[in-house]
Amino acid sequence: MSQELRNIAYVNAQVACALIEMESMKAKNQWRKHQQESPAYGEEAFLAVINKYGIHHNAVLEVMR
């Protein structure tokens, strides 16, 4: 497998991990809404996941170099 394909696979794996985490966050927000509570996670928390997994634009460009 070429380095380019390994890089693509890495980014895809990071995206999958981020999606799993964000879906969990969304589920908790829905549960709290159902309980008539305020959301556990706001926009900043979701943006933090993108940074945590290094899948923002510049990070992906750096991996693909």
N, C-alpha and C. Protein backbone atom coordinates (compact mmCIF):
# COMPACT_ATOMS: atom_id res chain seq x y z
N MET A 1 0.85 -1.17 0.00
CA MET A 1 0.00 0.00 0.00
C MET A 1 0.90 1.24 0.00
N SER A 2 0.54 2.19 -0.83
CA SER A 2 1.34 3.42 -0.91
C SER A 2 1.13 4.30 0.33
N GLN A 3 2.04 5.20 0.53
CA GLN A 3 1.93 6.13 1.67
C GLN A 3 0.67 6.98 1.54
N GLU A 4 0.33 7.36 0.33
CA GLU A 4 -0.88 8.17 0.12
C GLU A 4 -2.13 7.41 0.58
N LEU A 5 -2.21 6.13 0.24
CA LEU A 5 -3.36 5.33 0.67
C LEU A 5 -3.37 5.13 2.18
N ARG A 6 -2.20 4.97 2.79
CA ARG A 6 -2.13 4.87 4.25
C ARG A 6 -2.62 6.16 4.91
N ASN A 7 -2.24 7.29 4.35
CA ASN A 7 -2.68 8.58 4.88
C ASN A 7 -4.19 8.74 4.76
N ILE A 8 -4.73 8.35 3.63
CA ILE A 8 -6.18 8.42 3.43
C ILE A 8 -6.89 7.51 4.42
N ALA A 9 -6.38 6.31 4.61
CA ALA A 9 -6.98 5.37 5.56
C ALA A 9 -6.93 5.94 6.98
N TYR A 10 -5.83 6.57 7.33
CA TYR A 10 -5.69 7.18 8.66
C TYR A 10 -6.73 8.27 8.87
N VAL A 11 -6.86 9.18 7.90
CA VAL A 11 -7.83 10.27 8.02
C VAL A 11 -9.24 9.68 8.11
N ASN A 12 -9.55 8.69 7.29
CA ASN A 12 -10.88 8.06 7.34
C ASN A 12 -11.14 7.43 8.70
N ALA A 13 -10.15 6.80 9.28
CA ALA A 13 -10.31 6.19 10.60
C ALA A 13 -10.55 7.27 11.66
N GLN A 14 -9.83 8.37 11.57
CA GLN A 14 -10.03 9.47 12.51
C GLN A 14 -11.43 10.06 12.37
N VAL A 15 -11.91 10.19 11.15
CA VAL A 15 -13.26 10.70 10.91
C VAL A 15 -14.29 9.75 11.52
N ALA A 16 -14.09 8.45 11.35
CA ALA A 16 -15.02 7.47 11.92
C ALA A 16 -15.06 7.58 13.44
N CYS A 17 -13.90 7.73 14.07
CA CYS A 17 -13.85 7.89 15.52
C CYS A 17 -14.57 9.16 15.96
N ALA A 18 -14.35 10.23 15.24
CA ALA A 18 -15.01 11.49 15.58
C ALA A 18 -16.52 11.38 15.42
N LEU A 19 -16.97 10.72 14.37
CA LEU A 19 -18.41 10.54 14.15
C LEU A 19 -19.04 9.73 15.28
N ILE A 20 -18.37 8.69 15.70
CA ILE A 20 -18.88 7.87 16.81
C ILE A 20 -19.02 8.72 18.06
N GLU A 21 -17.99 9.49 18.37
CA GLU A 21 -18.03 10.32 19.57
C GLU A 21 -19.13 11.38 19.46
N MET A 22 -19.26 12.01 18.30
CA MET A 22 -20.28 13.04 18.14
C MET A 22 -21.69 12.47 18.18
N GLU A 23 -21.89 11.28 17.65
CA GLU A 23 -23.21 10.66 17.73
C GLU A 23 -23.58 10.37 19.18
N SER A 24 -22.61 9.98 19.97
CA SER A 24 -22.84 9.76 21.40
C SER A 24 -23.22 11.07 22.08
N MET A 25 -22.53 12.14 21.72
CA MET A 25 -22.83 13.45 22.28
C MET A 25 -24.24 13.89 21.89
N LYS A 26 -24.61 13.66 20.64
CA LYS A 26 -25.95 14.02 20.19
C LYS A 26 -27.01 13.23 20.93
N ALA A 27 -26.74 11.95 21.15
CA ALA A 27 -27.69 11.11 21.87
C ALA A 27 -27.89 11.61 23.30
N LYS A 28 -26.78 11.99 23.95
CA LYS A 28 -26.90 12.51 25.31
C LYS A 28 -27.69 13.82 25.33
N ASN A 29 -27.46 14.67 24.34
CA ASN A 29 -28.22 15.90 24.26
C ASN A 29 -29.71 15.61 24.08
N GLN A 30 -30.03 14.62 23.25
CA GLN A 30 -31.44 14.26 23.05
C GLN A 30 -32.04 13.71 24.34
N TRP A 31 -31.30 12.87 25.04
CA TRP A 31 -31.79 12.31 26.29
C TRP A 31 -32.06 13.42 27.30
N ARG A 32 -31.14 14.36 27.39
CA ARG A 32 -31.31 15.47 28.33
C ARG A 32 -32.50 16.35 27.92
N LYS A 33 -32.69 16.53 26.63
CA LYS A 33 -33.85 17.28 26.15
C LYS A 33 -35.14 16.59 26.58
N HIS A 34 -35.16 15.28 26.43
CA HIS A 34 -36.33 14.49 26.84
C HIS A 34 -36.57 14.62 28.35
N GLN A 35 -35.51 14.76 29.11
CA GLN A 35 -35.60 14.94 30.57
C GLN A 35 -35.85 16.40 30.95
N GLN A 36 -36.04 17.24 29.94
CA GLN A 36 -36.25 18.68 30.11
C GLN A 36 -35.07 19.35 30.82
N GLU A 37 -33.89 18.91 30.46
CA GLU A 37 -32.65 19.50 30.97
C GLU A 37 -31.93 20.20 29.81
N SER A 38 -30.99 21.04 30.15
CA SER A 38 -30.22 21.73 29.12
C SER A 38 -29.24 20.74 28.47
N PRO A 39 -28.85 21.02 27.23
CA PRO A 39 -27.91 20.13 26.54
C PRO A 39 -26.59 19.98 27.29
N ALA A 40 -26.03 18.80 27.23
CA ALA A 40 -24.72 18.55 27.85
C ALA A 40 -23.60 19.10 26.98
N TYR A 41 -23.81 19.15 25.67
CA TYR A 41 -22.77 19.55 24.74
C TYR A 41 -23.28 20.65 23.82
N GLY A 42 -22.48 21.70 23.71
CA GLY A 42 -22.79 22.79 22.80
C GLY A 42 -21.86 22.77 21.61
N GLU A 43 -21.94 23.81 20.83
CA GLU A 43 -21.15 23.89 19.60
C GLU A 43 -19.65 23.76 19.88
N GLU A 44 -19.17 24.38 20.94
CA GLU A 44 -17.73 24.32 21.25
C GLU A 44 -17.26 22.90 21.50
N ALA A 45 -18.10 22.09 22.14
CA ALA A 45 -17.73 20.70 22.42
C ALA A 45 -17.62 19.90 21.13
N PHE A 46 -18.51 20.16 20.19
CA PHE A 46 -18.45 19.46 18.91
C PHE A 46 -17.23 19.89 18.11
N LEU A 47 -16.91 21.17 18.13
CA LEU A 47 -15.71 21.65 17.45
C LEU A 47 -14.45 21.07 18.09
N ALA A 48 -14.48 20.86 19.39
CA ALA A 48 -13.32 20.29 20.08
C ALA A 48 -13.04 18.86 19.61
N VAL A 49 -14.09 18.13 19.25
CA VAL A 49 -13.90 16.76 18.74
C VAL A 49 -13.12 16.80 17.43
N ILE A 50 -13.44 17.76 16.58
CA ILE A 50 -12.74 17.90 15.30
C ILE A 50 -11.25 18.13 15.57
N ASN A 51 -10.94 18.96 16.53
CA ASN A 51 -9.53 19.22 16.86
C ASN A 51 -8.89 18.00 17.53
N LYS A 52 -9.64 17.34 18.41
CA LYS A 52 -9.12 16.16 19.12
C LYS A 52 -8.62 15.10 18.14
N TYR A 53 -9.39 14.87 17.08
CA TYR A 53 -9.03 13.83 16.11
C TYR A 53 -8.21 14.37 14.94
N GLY A 54 -7.90 15.64 14.96
CA GLY A 54 -7.05 16.21 13.91
C GLY A 54 -7.65 16.11 12.52
N ILE A 55 -8.93 16.43 12.41
CA ILE A 55 -9.59 16.31 11.11
C ILE A 55 -10.07 17.66 10.58
N HIS A 56 -9.54 18.74 11.16
CA HIS A 56 -9.85 20.04 10.58
C HIS A 56 -9.03 20.21 9.31
N HIS A 57 -9.40 21.17 8.52
CA HIS A 57 -8.84 21.36 7.18
C HIS A 57 -7.31 21.33 7.15
N ASN A 58 -6.69 22.18 7.93
CA ASN A 58 -5.22 22.26 7.89
C ASN A 58 -4.55 20.98 8.36
N ALA A 59 -5.13 20.30 9.33
CA ALA A 59 -4.54 19.05 9.81
C ALA A 59 -4.58 17.98 8.74
N VAL A 60 -5.69 17.91 8.02
CA VAL A 60 -5.80 16.91 6.96
C VAL A 60 -4.81 17.23 5.83
N LEU A 61 -4.69 18.50 5.50
CA LEU A 61 -3.72 18.88 4.47
C LEU A 61 -2.31 18.48 4.88
N GLU A 62 -1.99 18.65 6.15
CA GLU A 62 -0.66 18.29 6.64
C GLU A 62 -0.42 16.78 6.54
N VAL A 63 -1.42 15.98 6.88
CA VAL A 63 -1.29 14.52 6.79
C VAL A 63 -1.10 14.09 5.32
N MET A 64 -1.76 14.78 4.43
CA MET A 64 -1.72 14.37 3.02
C MET A 64 -0.47 14.87 2.28
N ARG A 65 0.40 15.58 2.95
CA ARG A 65 1.63 16.03 2.30
C ARG A 65 2.53 14.89 1.97
